[in-house]
Amino acid sequence: MMCWRLHRFNTFNAPVALHAVTSSQPKGNLMGFKPLQERFNYYALKDGTILGVKLAVVKVYRLQNPDNSPAYTPEGEPAYYYTTQNITQVLTPEEYKSFKTTA
């Protein structure tokens, strides 16, 4: 299975270039999981817009060695591979203020 990641490189007033990067998925077992906390980080942009961004985990794999034994990091911790998705929201300052007062 191939894992595709799109990287977006952009500077102000420059065209956006999307580059597909392929990589093989490491060997491992798909793990079930339950999100305990997923919060947005908010950024005030120069034009007054509020940008909200949060990272959400999509899949988690417990990595295995070629002999199917569990893999560990050099520090001795269990090794995992995971895929994520960025979730964004764009708010006006008024929407952000009303959102934060009701939350």
PDB file of N, CA and C in Angstrom:
ATOM      1  N   MET A   1       0.848  -1.181   0.000  1.00  0.00           N
ATOM      2  CA  MET A   1       0.000   0.000   0.000  1.00  0.00           C
ATOM      3  C   MET A   1       0.886   1.235   0.000  1.00  0.00           C
ATOM      4  N   MET A   2       0.532   2.196  -0.826  1.00  0.00           N
ATOM      5  CA  MET A   2       1.298   3.430  -0.907  1.00  0.00           C
ATOM      6  C   MET A   2       0.571   4.515  -0.129  1.00  0.00           C
ATOM      7  N   CYS A   3       1.322   5.362   0.531  1.00  0.00           N
ATOM      8  CA  CYS A   3       0.764   6.468   1.298  1.00  0.00           C
ATOM      9  C   CYS A   3       1.104   7.757   0.562  1.00  0.00           C
ATOM     10  N   TRP A   4       0.108   8.527   0.194  1.00  0.00           N
ATOM     11  CA  TRP A   4       0.323   9.769  -0.538  1.00  0.00           C
ATOM     12  C   TRP A   4       0.158  10.937   0.403  1.00  0.00           C
ATOM     13  N   ARG A   5       1.134  11.815   0.394  1.00  0.00           N
ATOM     14  CA  ARG A   5       1.042  13.043   1.165  1.00  0.00           C
ATOM     15  C   ARG A   5       1.221  14.200   0.203  1.00  0.00           C
ATOM     16  N   LEU A   6       0.347  15.172   0.296  1.00  0.00           N
ATOM     17  CA  LEU A   6       0.476  16.357  -0.540  1.00  0.00           C
ATOM     18  C   LEU A   6       1.103  17.466   0.281  1.00  0.00           C
ATOM     19  N   HIS A   7       2.154  18.054  -0.250  1.00  0.00           N
ATOM     20  CA  HIS A   7       2.829  19.152   0.415  1.00  0.00           C
ATOM     21  C   HIS A   7       2.561  20.415  -0.380  1.00  0.00           C
ATOM     22  N   ARG A   8       2.138  21.443   0.291  1.00  0.00           N
ATOM     23  CA  ARG A   8       1.800  22.693  -0.374  1.00  0.00           C
ATOM     24  C   ARG A   8       2.848  23.735   0.009  1.00  0.00           C
ATOM     25  N   PHE A   9       3.516  24.263  -0.989  1.00  0.00           N
ATOM     26  CA  PHE A   9       4.520  25.282  -0.775  1.00  0.00           C
ATOM     27  C   PHE A   9       4.012  26.567  -1.407  1.00  0.00           C
ATOM     28  N   ASN A  10       3.991  27.648  -0.656  1.00  0.00           N
ATOM     29  CA  ASN A  10       3.461  28.891  -1.199  1.00  0.00           C
ATOM     30  C   ASN A  10       4.112  30.076  -0.499  1.00  0.00           C
ATOM     31  N   THR A  11       4.352  31.113  -1.263  1.00  0.00           N
ATOM     32  CA  THR A  11       4.757  32.405  -0.718  1.00  0.00           C
ATOM     33  C   THR A  11       3.740  33.412  -1.211  1.00  0.00           C
ATOM     34  N   PHE A  12       3.707  34.583  -0.612  1.00  0.00           N
ATOM     35  CA  PHE A  12       2.724  35.580  -1.006  1.00  0.00           C
ATOM     36  C   PHE A  12       2.850  35.897  -2.490  1.00  0.00           C
ATOM     37  N   ASN A  13       1.706  35.943  -3.174  1.00  0.00           N
ATOM     38  CA  ASN A  13       1.611  36.282  -4.602  1.00  0.00           C
ATOM     39  C   ASN A  13       2.343  35.296  -5.504  1.00  0.00           C
ATOM     40  N   ALA A  14       2.608  34.106  -5.044  1.00  0.00           N
ATOM     41  CA  ALA A  14       3.257  33.089  -5.872  1.00  0.00           C
ATOM     42  C   ALA A  14       2.248  31.990  -6.169  1.00  0.00           C
ATOM     43  N   PRO A  15       2.360  31.345  -7.322  1.00  0.00           N
ATOM     44  CA  PRO A  15       1.441  30.234  -7.609  1.00  0.00           C
ATOM     45  C   PRO A  15       1.673  29.091  -6.636  1.00  0.00           C
ATOM     46  N   VAL A  16       0.607  28.353  -6.369  1.00  0.00           N
ATOM     47  CA  VAL A  16       0.678  27.217  -5.446  1.00  0.00           C
ATOM     48  C   VAL A  16       1.137  25.996  -6.230  1.00  0.00           C
ATOM     49  N   ALA A  17       2.121  25.285  -5.704  1.00  0.00           N
ATOM     50  CA  ALA A  17       2.604  24.054  -6.326  1.00  0.00           C
ATOM     51  C   ALA A  17       2.302  22.893  -5.386  1.00  0.00           C
ATOM     52  N   LEU A  18       1.631  21.868  -5.886  1.00  0.00           N
ATOM     53  CA  LEU A  18       1.360  20.670  -5.093  1.00  0.00           C
ATOM     54  C   LEU A  18       2.302  19.572  -5.557  1.00  0.00           C
ATOM     55  N   HIS A  19       2.992  18.948  -4.612  1.00  0.00           N
ATOM     56  CA  HIS A  19       3.939  17.891  -4.918  1.00  0.00           C
ATOM     57  C   HIS A  19       3.481  16.614  -4.226  1.00  0.00           C
ATOM     58  N   ALA A  20       3.272  15.567  -4.983  1.00  0.00           N
ATOM     59  CA  ALA A  20       2.895  14.280  -4.398  1.00  0.00           C
ATOM     60  C   ALA A  20       4.161  13.541  -3.990  1.00  0.00           C
ATOM     61  N   VAL A  21       4.189  13.084  -2.750  1.00  0.00           N
ATOM     62  CA  VAL A  21       5.324  12.340  -2.227  1.00  0.00           C
ATOM     63  C   VAL A  21       4.827  10.946  -1.888  1.00  0.00           C
ATOM     64  N   THR A  22       5.451   9.949  -2.461  1.00  0.00           N
ATOM     65  CA  THR A  22       5.019   8.578  -2.187  1.00  0.00           C
ATOM     66  C   THR A  22       5.968   7.947  -1.172  1.00  0.00           C
ATOM     67  N   SER A  23       5.422   7.105  -0.365  1.00  0.00           N
ATOM     68  CA  SER A  23       6.228   6.348   0.585  1.00  0.00           C
ATOM     69  C   SER A  23       5.505   5.049   0.891  1.00  0.00           C
ATOM     70  N   SER A  24       6.256   4.020   1.154  1.00  0.00           N
ATOM     71  CA  SER A  24       5.647   2.747   1.522  1.00  0.00           C
ATOM     72  C   SER A  24       5.219   2.792   2.974  1.00  0.00           C
ATOM     73  N   GLN A  25       4.078   2.212   3.236  1.00  0.00           N
ATOM     74  CA  GLN A  25       3.600   2.131   4.621  1.00  0.00           C
ATOM     75  C   GLN A  25       4.412   1.075   5.344  1.00  0.00           C
ATOM     76  N   PRO A  26       4.925   1.403   6.524  1.00  0.00           N
ATOM     77  CA  PRO A  26       5.668   0.393   7.290  1.00  0.00           C
ATOM     78  C   PRO A  26       4.770  -0.783   7.676  1.00  0.00           C
ATOM     79  N   LYS A  27       5.386  -1.899   7.991  1.00  0.00           N
ATOM     80  CA  LYS A  27       4.646  -3.093   8.396  1.00  0.00           C
ATOM     81  C   LYS A  27       4.151  -2.921   9.824  1.00  0.00           C
ATOM     82  N   GLY A  28       2.856  -3.184  10.031  1.00  0.00           N
ATOM     83  CA  GLY A  28       2.305  -3.060  11.370  1.00  0.00           C
ATOM     84  C   GLY A  28       0.853  -3.476  11.423  1.00  0.00           C
ATOM     85  N   ASN A  29       0.306  -3.493  12.629  1.00  0.00           N
ATOM     86  CA  ASN A  29      -1.093  -3.850  12.859  1.00  0.00           C
ATOM     87  C   ASN A  29      -1.912  -2.584  13.071  1.00  0.00           C
ATOM     88  N   LEU A  30      -3.044  -2.503  12.378  1.00  0.00           N
ATOM     89  CA  LEU A  30      -3.955  -1.380  12.544  1.00  0.00           C
ATOM     90  C   LEU A  30      -4.537  -1.414  13.951  1.00  0.00           C
ATOM     91  N   MET A  31      -4.453  -0.293  14.653  1.00  0.00           N
ATOM     92  CA  MET A  31      -4.913  -0.208  16.038  1.00  0.00           C
ATOM     93  C   MET A  31      -6.212   0.591  16.109  1.00  0.00           C
ATOM     94  N   GLY A  32      -7.147   0.135  16.916  1.00  0.00           N
ATOM     95  CA  GLY A  32      -8.326   0.930  17.212  1.00  0.00           C
ATOM     96  C   GLY A  32      -7.948   2.015  18.208  1.00  0.00           C
ATOM     97  N   PHE A  33      -8.631   3.151  18.164  1.00  0.00           N
ATOM     98  CA  PHE A  33      -8.340   4.224  19.108  1.00  0.00           C
ATOM     99  C   PHE A  33      -9.571   5.093  19.312  1.00  0.00           C
ATOM    100  N   LYS A  34      -9.560   5.868  20.386  1.00  0.00           N
ATOM    101  CA  LYS A  34     -10.637   6.794  20.697  1.00  0.00           C
ATOM    102  C   LYS A  34     -10.000   8.158  20.997  1.00  0.00           C
ATOM    103  N   PRO A  35     -10.400   9.210  20.270  1.00  0.00           N
ATOM    104  CA  PRO A  35      -9.850  10.540  20.570  1.00  0.00           C
ATOM    105  C   PRO A  35     -10.248  10.974  21.980  1.00  0.00           C
ATOM    106  N   LEU A  36      -9.283  11.427  22.750  1.00  0.00           N
ATOM    107  CA  LEU A  36      -9.563  11.925  24.091  1.00  0.00           C
ATOM    108  C   LEU A  36      -9.724  13.444  24.090  1.00  0.00           C
ATOM    109  N   GLN A  37      -9.024  14.100  23.168  1.00  0.00           N
ATOM    110  CA  GLN A  37      -9.117  15.554  23.089  1.00  0.00           C
ATOM    111  C   GLN A  37      -8.644  16.000  21.706  1.00  0.00           C
ATOM    112  N   GLU A  38      -9.432  16.793  21.024  1.00  0.00           N
ATOM    113  CA  GLU A  38      -9.057  17.370  19.736  1.00  0.00           C
ATOM    114  C   GLU A  38      -9.528  18.815  19.750  1.00  0.00           C
ATOM    115  N   ARG A  39      -8.592  19.733  19.901  1.00  0.00           N
ATOM    116  CA  ARG A  39      -8.953  21.148  19.988  1.00  0.00           C
ATOM    117  C   ARG A  39      -8.319  21.943  18.863  1.00  0.00           C
ATOM    118  N   PHE A  40      -8.985  23.029  18.506  1.00  0.00           N
ATOM    119  CA  PHE A  40      -8.452  23.943  17.509  1.00  0.00           C
ATOM    120  C   PHE A  40      -7.423  24.871  18.132  1.00  0.00           C
ATOM    121  N   ASN A  41      -6.429  25.246  17.340  1.00  0.00           N
ATOM    122  CA  ASN A  41      -5.519  26.339  17.645  1.00  0.00           C
ATOM    123  C   ASN A  41      -5.956  27.488  16.745  1.00  0.00           C
ATOM    124  N   TYR A  42      -6.038  28.695  17.281  1.00  0.00           N
ATOM    125  CA  TYR A  42      -6.520  29.843  16.519  1.00  0.00           C
ATOM    126  C   TYR A  42      -5.405  30.842  16.291  1.00  0.00           C
ATOM    127  N   TYR A  43      -5.399  31.425  15.088  1.00  0.00           N
ATOM    128  CA  TYR A  43      -4.382  32.382  14.681  1.00  0.00           C
ATOM    129  C   TYR A  43      -5.063  33.604  14.083  1.00  0.00           C
ATOM    130  N   ALA A  44      -4.658  34.803  14.541  1.00  0.00           N
ATOM    131  CA  ALA A  44      -5.176  36.052  13.987  1.00  0.00           C
ATOM    132  C   ALA A  44      -4.308  36.438  12.799  1.00  0.00           C
ATOM    133  N   LEU A  45      -4.916  36.521  11.621  1.00  0.00           N
ATOM    134  CA  LEU A  45      -4.186  36.889  10.420  1.00  0.00           C
ATOM    135  C   LEU A  45      -4.162  38.409  10.259  1.00  0.00           C
ATOM    136  N   LYS A  46      -3.232  38.925   9.465  1.00  0.00           N
ATOM    137  CA  LYS A  46      -3.072  40.374   9.291  1.00  0.00           C
ATOM    138  C   LYS A  46      -4.328  41.052   8.761  1.00  0.00           C
ATOM    139  N   ASP A  47      -5.130  40.334   7.976  1.00  0.00           N
ATOM    140  CA  ASP A  47      -6.351  40.935   7.418  1.00  0.00           C
ATOM    141  C   ASP A  47      -7.531  40.892   8.383  1.00  0.00           C
ATOM    142  N   GLY A  48      -7.309  40.397   9.617  1.00  0.00           N
ATOM    143  CA  GLY A  48      -8.366  40.337  10.619  1.00  0.00           C
ATOM    144  C   GLY A  48      -9.076  39.000  10.702  1.00  0.00           C
ATOM    145  N   THR A  49      -8.859  38.151   9.733  1.00  0.00           N
ATOM    146  CA  THR A  49      -9.475  36.827   9.723  1.00  0.00           C
ATOM    147  C   THR A  49      -8.857  35.965  10.821  1.00  0.00           C
ATOM    148  N   ILE A  50      -9.661  35.086  11.388  1.00  0.00           N
ATOM    149  CA  ILE A  50      -9.185  34.135  12.376  1.00  0.00           C
ATOM    150  C   ILE A  50      -9.123  32.761  11.709  1.00  0.00           C
ATOM    151  N   LEU A  51      -7.956  32.137  11.762  1.00  0.00           N
ATOM    152  CA  LEU A  51      -7.753  30.817  11.183  1.00  0.00           C
ATOM    153  C   LEU A  51      -7.686  29.802  12.310  1.00  0.00           C
ATOM    154  N   GLY A  52      -8.553  28.788  12.256  1.00  0.00           N
ATOM    155  CA  GLY A  52      -8.536  27.701  13.224  1.00  0.00           C
ATOM    156  C   GLY A  52      -7.984  26.446  12.571  1.00  0.00           C
ATOM    157  N   VAL A  53      -7.067  25.776  13.242  1.00  0.00           N
ATOM    158  CA  VAL A  53      -6.440  24.564  12.710  1.00  0.00           C
ATOM    159  C   VAL A  53      -6.370  23.518  13.814  1.00  0.00           C
ATOM    160  N   LYS A  54      -6.734  22.291  13.480  1.00  0.00           N
ATOM    161  CA  LYS A  54      -6.517  21.183  14.407  1.00  0.00           C
ATOM    162  C   LYS A  54      -6.062  19.969  13.624  1.00  0.00           C
ATOM    163  N   LEU A  55      -5.311  19.139  14.289  1.00  0.00           N
ATOM    164  CA  LEU A  55      -4.800  17.910  13.716  1.00  0.00           C
ATOM    165  C   LEU A  55      -5.653  16.756  14.218  1.00  0.00           C
ATOM    166  N   ALA A  56      -6.098  15.905  13.318  1.00  0.00           N
ATOM    167  CA  ALA A  56      -6.890  14.740  13.704  1.00  0.00           C
ATOM    168  C   ALA A  56      -6.186  13.473  13.218  1.00  0.00           C
ATOM    169  N   VAL A  57      -6.038  12.516  14.101  1.00  0.00           N
ATOM    170  CA  VAL A  57      -5.438  11.235  13.734  1.00  0.00           C
ATOM    171  C   VAL A  57      -6.481  10.416  12.982  1.00  0.00           C
ATOM    172  N   VAL A  58      -6.067   9.832  11.856  1.00  0.00           N
ATOM    173  CA  VAL A  58      -6.976   9.046  11.020  1.00  0.00           C
ATOM    174  C   VAL A  58      -6.772   7.550  11.254  1.00  0.00           C
ATOM    175  N   LYS A  59      -5.516   7.099  11.228  1.00  0.00           N
ATOM    176  CA  LYS A  59      -5.190   5.682  11.445  1.00  0.00           C
ATOM    177  C   LYS A  59      -3.930   5.585  12.300  1.00  0.00           C
ATOM    178  N   VAL A  60      -3.850   4.509  13.095  1.00  0.00           N
ATOM    179  CA  VAL A  60      -2.667   4.234  13.914  1.00  0.00           C
ATOM    180  C   VAL A  60      -2.268   2.778  13.706  1.00  0.00           C
ATOM    181  N   TYR A  61      -0.989   2.556  13.452  1.00  0.00           N
ATOM    182  CA  TYR A  61      -0.451   1.211  13.294  1.00  0.00           C
ATOM    183  C   TYR A  61       0.616   0.964  14.353  1.00  0.00           C
ATOM    184  N   ARG A  62       0.580  -0.184  15.009  1.00  0.00           N
ATOM    185  CA  ARG A  62       1.647  -0.617  15.916  1.00  0.00           C
ATOM    186  C   ARG A  62       2.661  -1.324  15.037  1.00  0.00           C
ATOM    187  N   LEU A  63       3.857  -0.777  14.948  1.00  0.00           N
ATOM    188  CA  LEU A  63       4.855  -1.282  14.010  1.00  0.00           C
ATOM    189  C   LEU A  63       5.411  -2.634  14.425  1.00  0.00           C
ATOM    190  N   GLN A  64       5.787  -3.412  13.392  1.00  0.00           N
ATOM    191  CA  GLN A  64       6.360  -4.736  13.596  1.00  0.00           C
ATOM    192  C   GLN A  64       7.711  -4.819  12.892  1.00  0.00           C
ATOM    193  N   ASN A  65       8.588  -5.646  13.438  1.00  0.00           N
ATOM    194  CA  ASN A  65       9.858  -5.969  12.797  1.00  0.00           C
ATOM    195  C   ASN A  65       9.608  -6.961  11.669  1.00  0.00           C
ATOM    196  N   PRO A  66      10.597  -7.184  10.800  1.00  0.00           N
ATOM    197  CA  PRO A  66      10.413  -8.168   9.714  1.00  0.00           C
ATOM    198  C   PRO A  66      10.021  -9.559  10.200  1.00  0.00           C
ATOM    199  N   ASP A  67      10.409  -9.934  11.441  1.00  0.00           N
ATOM    200  CA  ASP A  67      10.037 -11.251  11.976  1.00  0.00           C
ATOM    201  C   ASP A  67       8.675 -11.231  12.690  1.00  0.00           C
ATOM    202  N   ASN A  68       7.909 -10.143  12.518  1.00  0.00           N
ATOM    203  CA  ASN A  68       6.576  -9.941  13.106  1.00  0.00           C
ATOM    204  C   ASN A  68       6.588  -9.669  14.607  1.00  0.00           C
ATOM    205  N   SER A  69       7.751  -9.511  15.212  1.00  0.00           N
ATOM    206  CA  SER A  69       7.801  -9.128  16.625  1.00  0.00           C
ATOM    207  C   SER A  69       7.532  -7.632  16.738  1.00  0.00           C
ATOM    208  N   PRO A  70       7.013  -7.168  17.882  1.00  0.00           N
ATOM    209  CA  PRO A  70       6.737  -5.739  18.040  1.00  0.00           C
ATOM    210  C   PRO A  70       8.008  -4.902  17.906  1.00  0.00           C
ATOM    211  N   ALA A  71       7.902  -3.780  17.208  1.00  0.00           N
ATOM    212  CA  ALA A  71       9.042  -2.875  17.022  1.00  0.00           C
ATOM    213  C   ALA A  71       9.070  -1.843  18.142  1.00  0.00           C
ATOM    214  N   TYR A  72      10.282  -1.409  18.489  1.00  0.00           N
ATOM    215  CA  TYR A  72      10.482  -0.408  19.529  1.00  0.00           C
ATOM    216  C   TYR A  72      11.430   0.676  19.018  1.00  0.00           C
ATOM    217  N   THR A  73      11.307   1.865  19.590  1.00  0.00           N
ATOM    218  CA  THR A  73      12.202   2.964  19.255  1.00  0.00           C
ATOM    219  C   THR A  73      13.562   2.701  19.896  1.00  0.00           C
ATOM    220  N   PRO A  74      14.590   3.453  19.509  1.00  0.00           N
ATOM    221  CA  PRO A  74      15.895   3.294  20.168  1.00  0.00           C
ATOM    222  C   PRO A  74      15.837   3.546  21.676  1.00  0.00           C
ATOM    223  N   GLU A  75      14.833   4.316  22.122  1.00  0.00           N
ATOM    224  CA  GLU A  75      14.669   4.583  23.553  1.00  0.00           C
ATOM    225  C   GLU A  75      13.908   3.477  24.270  1.00  0.00           C
ATOM    226  N   GLY A  76      13.461   2.453  23.533  1.00  0.00           N
ATOM    227  CA  GLY A  76      12.760   1.328  24.137  1.00  0.00           C
ATOM    228  C   GLY A  76      11.246   1.501  24.224  1.00  0.00           C
ATOM    229  N   GLU A  77      10.707   2.533  23.589  1.00  0.00           N
ATOM    230  CA  GLU A  77       9.259   2.764  23.606  1.00  0.00           C
ATOM    231  C   GLU A  77       8.608   2.057  22.423  1.00  0.00           C
ATOM    232  N   PRO A  78       7.350   1.641  22.545  1.00  0.00           N
ATOM    233  CA  PRO A  78       6.660   1.023  21.412  1.00  0.00           C
ATOM    234  C   PRO A  78       6.650   1.971  20.212  1.00  0.00           C
ATOM    235  N   ALA A  79       6.845   1.419  19.012  1.00  0.00           N
ATOM    236  CA  ALA A  79       6.903   2.222  17.792  1.00  0.00           C
ATOM    237  C   ALA A  79       5.557   2.192  17.081  1.00  0.00           C
ATOM    238  N   TYR A  80       5.080   3.372  16.678  1.00  0.00           N
ATOM    239  CA  TYR A  80       3.808   3.517  15.978  1.00  0.00           C
ATOM    240  C   TYR A  80       4.005   4.313  14.700  1.00  0.00           C
ATOM    241  N   TYR A  81       3.137   4.051  13.742  1.00  0.00           N
ATOM    242  CA  TYR A  81       3.041   4.836  12.517  1.00  0.00           C
ATOM    243  C   TYR A  81       1.616   5.349  12.482  1.00  0.00           C
ATOM    244  N   TYR A  82       1.421   6.609  12.154  1.00  0.00           N
ATOM    245  CA  TYR A  82       0.064   7.139  12.128  1.00  0.00           C
ATOM    246  C   TYR A  82      -0.116   8.112  10.971  1.00  0.00           C
ATOM    247  N   THR A  83      -1.349   8.218  10.522  1.00  0.00           N
ATOM    248  CA  THR A  83      -1.701   9.199   9.497  1.00  0.00           C
ATOM    249  C   THR A  83      -2.618  10.230  10.135  1.00  0.00           C
ATOM    250  N   THR A  84      -2.513  11.460   9.658  1.00  0.00           N
ATOM    251  CA  THR A  84      -3.281  12.560  10.231  1.00  0.00           C
ATOM    252  C   THR A  84      -3.953  13.366   9.135  1.00  0.00           C
ATOM    253  N   GLN A  85      -4.884  14.197   9.546  1.00  0.00           N
ATOM    254  CA  GLN A  85      -5.578  15.106   8.645  1.00  0.00           C
ATOM    255  C   GLN A  85      -5.668  16.461   9.336  1.00  0.00           C
ATOM    256  N   ASN A  86      -5.358  17.527   8.591  1.00  0.00           N
ATOM    257  CA  ASN A  86      -5.535  18.878   9.111  1.00  0.00           C
ATOM    258  C   ASN A  86      -6.985  19.309   8.883  1.00  0.00           C
ATOM    259  N   ILE A  87      -7.610  19.827   9.912  1.00  0.00           N
ATOM    260  CA  ILE A  87      -8.973  20.348   9.810  1.00  0.00           C
ATOM    261  C   ILE A  87      -8.881  21.846  10.077  1.00  0.00           C
ATOM    262  N   THR A  88      -9.444  22.639   9.177  1.00  0.00           N
ATOM    263  CA  THR A  88      -9.333  24.090   9.315  1.00  0.00           C
ATOM    264  C   THR A  88     -10.711  24.741   9.322  1.00  0.00           C
ATOM    265  N   GLN A  89     -10.758  25.933   9.906  1.00  0.00           N
ATOM    266  CA  GLN A  89     -11.952  26.757   9.849  1.00  0.00           C
ATOM    267  C   GLN A  89     -11.499  28.213   9.758  1.00  0.00           C
ATOM    268  N   VAL A  90     -12.256  29.005   9.023  1.00  0.00           N
ATOM    269  CA  VAL A  90     -11.956  30.422   8.861  1.00  0.00           C
ATOM    270  C   VAL A  90     -13.113  31.202   9.462  1.00  0.00           C
ATOM    271  N   LEU A  91     -12.799  32.116  10.401  1.00  0.00           N
ATOM    272  CA  LEU A  91     -13.815  32.873  11.118  1.00  0.00           C
ATOM    273  C   LEU A  91     -13.547  34.370  11.012  1.00  0.00           C
ATOM    274  N   THR A  92     -14.609  35.145  11.077  1.00  0.00           N
ATOM    275  CA  THR A  92     -14.455  36.586  11.243  1.00  0.00           C
ATOM    276  C   THR A  92     -14.169  36.840  12.717  1.00  0.00           C
ATOM    277  N   PRO A  93     -13.630  38.014  13.057  1.00  0.00           N
ATOM    278  CA  PRO A  93     -13.406  38.300  14.481  1.00  0.00           C
ATOM    279  C   PRO A  93     -14.695  38.204  15.306  1.00  0.00           C
ATOM    280  N   GLU A  94     -15.816  38.608  14.728  1.00  0.00           N
ATOM    281  CA  GLU A  94     -17.097  38.537  15.440  1.00  0.00           C
ATOM    282  C   GLU A  94     -17.511  37.088  15.678  1.00  0.00           C
ATOM    283  N   GLU A  95     -17.348  36.248  14.659  1.00  0.00           N
ATOM    284  CA  GLU A  95     -17.679  34.832  14.818  1.00  0.00           C
ATOM    285  C   GLU A  95     -16.797  34.188  15.886  1.00  0.00           C
ATOM    286  N   TYR A  96     -15.521  34.538  15.894  1.00  0.00           N
ATOM    287  CA  TYR A  96     -14.600  33.981  16.886  1.00  0.00           C
ATOM    288  C   TYR A  96     -15.003  34.404  18.292  1.00  0.00           C
ATOM    289  N   LYS A  97     -15.343  35.681  18.476  1.00  0.00           N
ATOM    290  CA  LYS A  97     -15.750  36.172  19.808  1.00  0.00           C
ATOM    291  C   LYS A  97     -17.011  35.472  20.278  1.00  0.00           C
ATOM    292  N   SER A  98     -18.019  35.349  19.405  1.00  0.00           N
ATOM    293  CA  SER A  98     -19.266  34.692  19.811  1.00  0.00           C
ATOM    294  C   SER A  98     -19.044  33.197  20.048  1.00  0.00           C
ATOM    295  N   PHE A  99     -18.165  32.605  19.248  1.00  0.00           N
ATOM    296  CA  PHE A  99     -17.860  31.187  19.410  1.00  0.00           C
ATOM    297  C   PHE A  99     -17.174  30.937  20.752  1.00  0.00           C
ATOM    298  N   LYS A 100     -16.227  31.796  21.122  1.00  0.00           N
ATOM    299  CA  LYS A 100     -15.487  31.601  22.366  1.00  0.00           C
ATOM    300  C   LYS A 100     -16.347  31.883  23.606  1.00  0.00           C
ATOM    301  N   THR A 101     -17.325  32.763  23.496  1.00  0.00           N
ATOM    302  CA  THR A 101     -18.178  33.052  24.649  1.00  0.00           C
ATOM    303  C   THR A 101     -19.202  31.951  24.875  1.00  0.00           C
ATOM    304  N   THR A 102     -19.577  31.210  23.829  1.00  0.00           N
ATOM    305  CA  THR A 102     -20.552  30.133  23.986  1.00  0.00           C
ATOM    306  C   THR A 102     -19.888  28.800  24.305  1.00  0.00           C
ATOM    307  N   ALA A 103     -18.581  28.707  24.098  1.00  0.00           N
ATOM    308  CA  ALA A 103     -17.873  27.429  24.319  1.00  0.00           C
ATOM    309  C   ALA A 103     -17.547  27.215  25.778  1.00  0.00           C
TER     310      ALA A 103
END
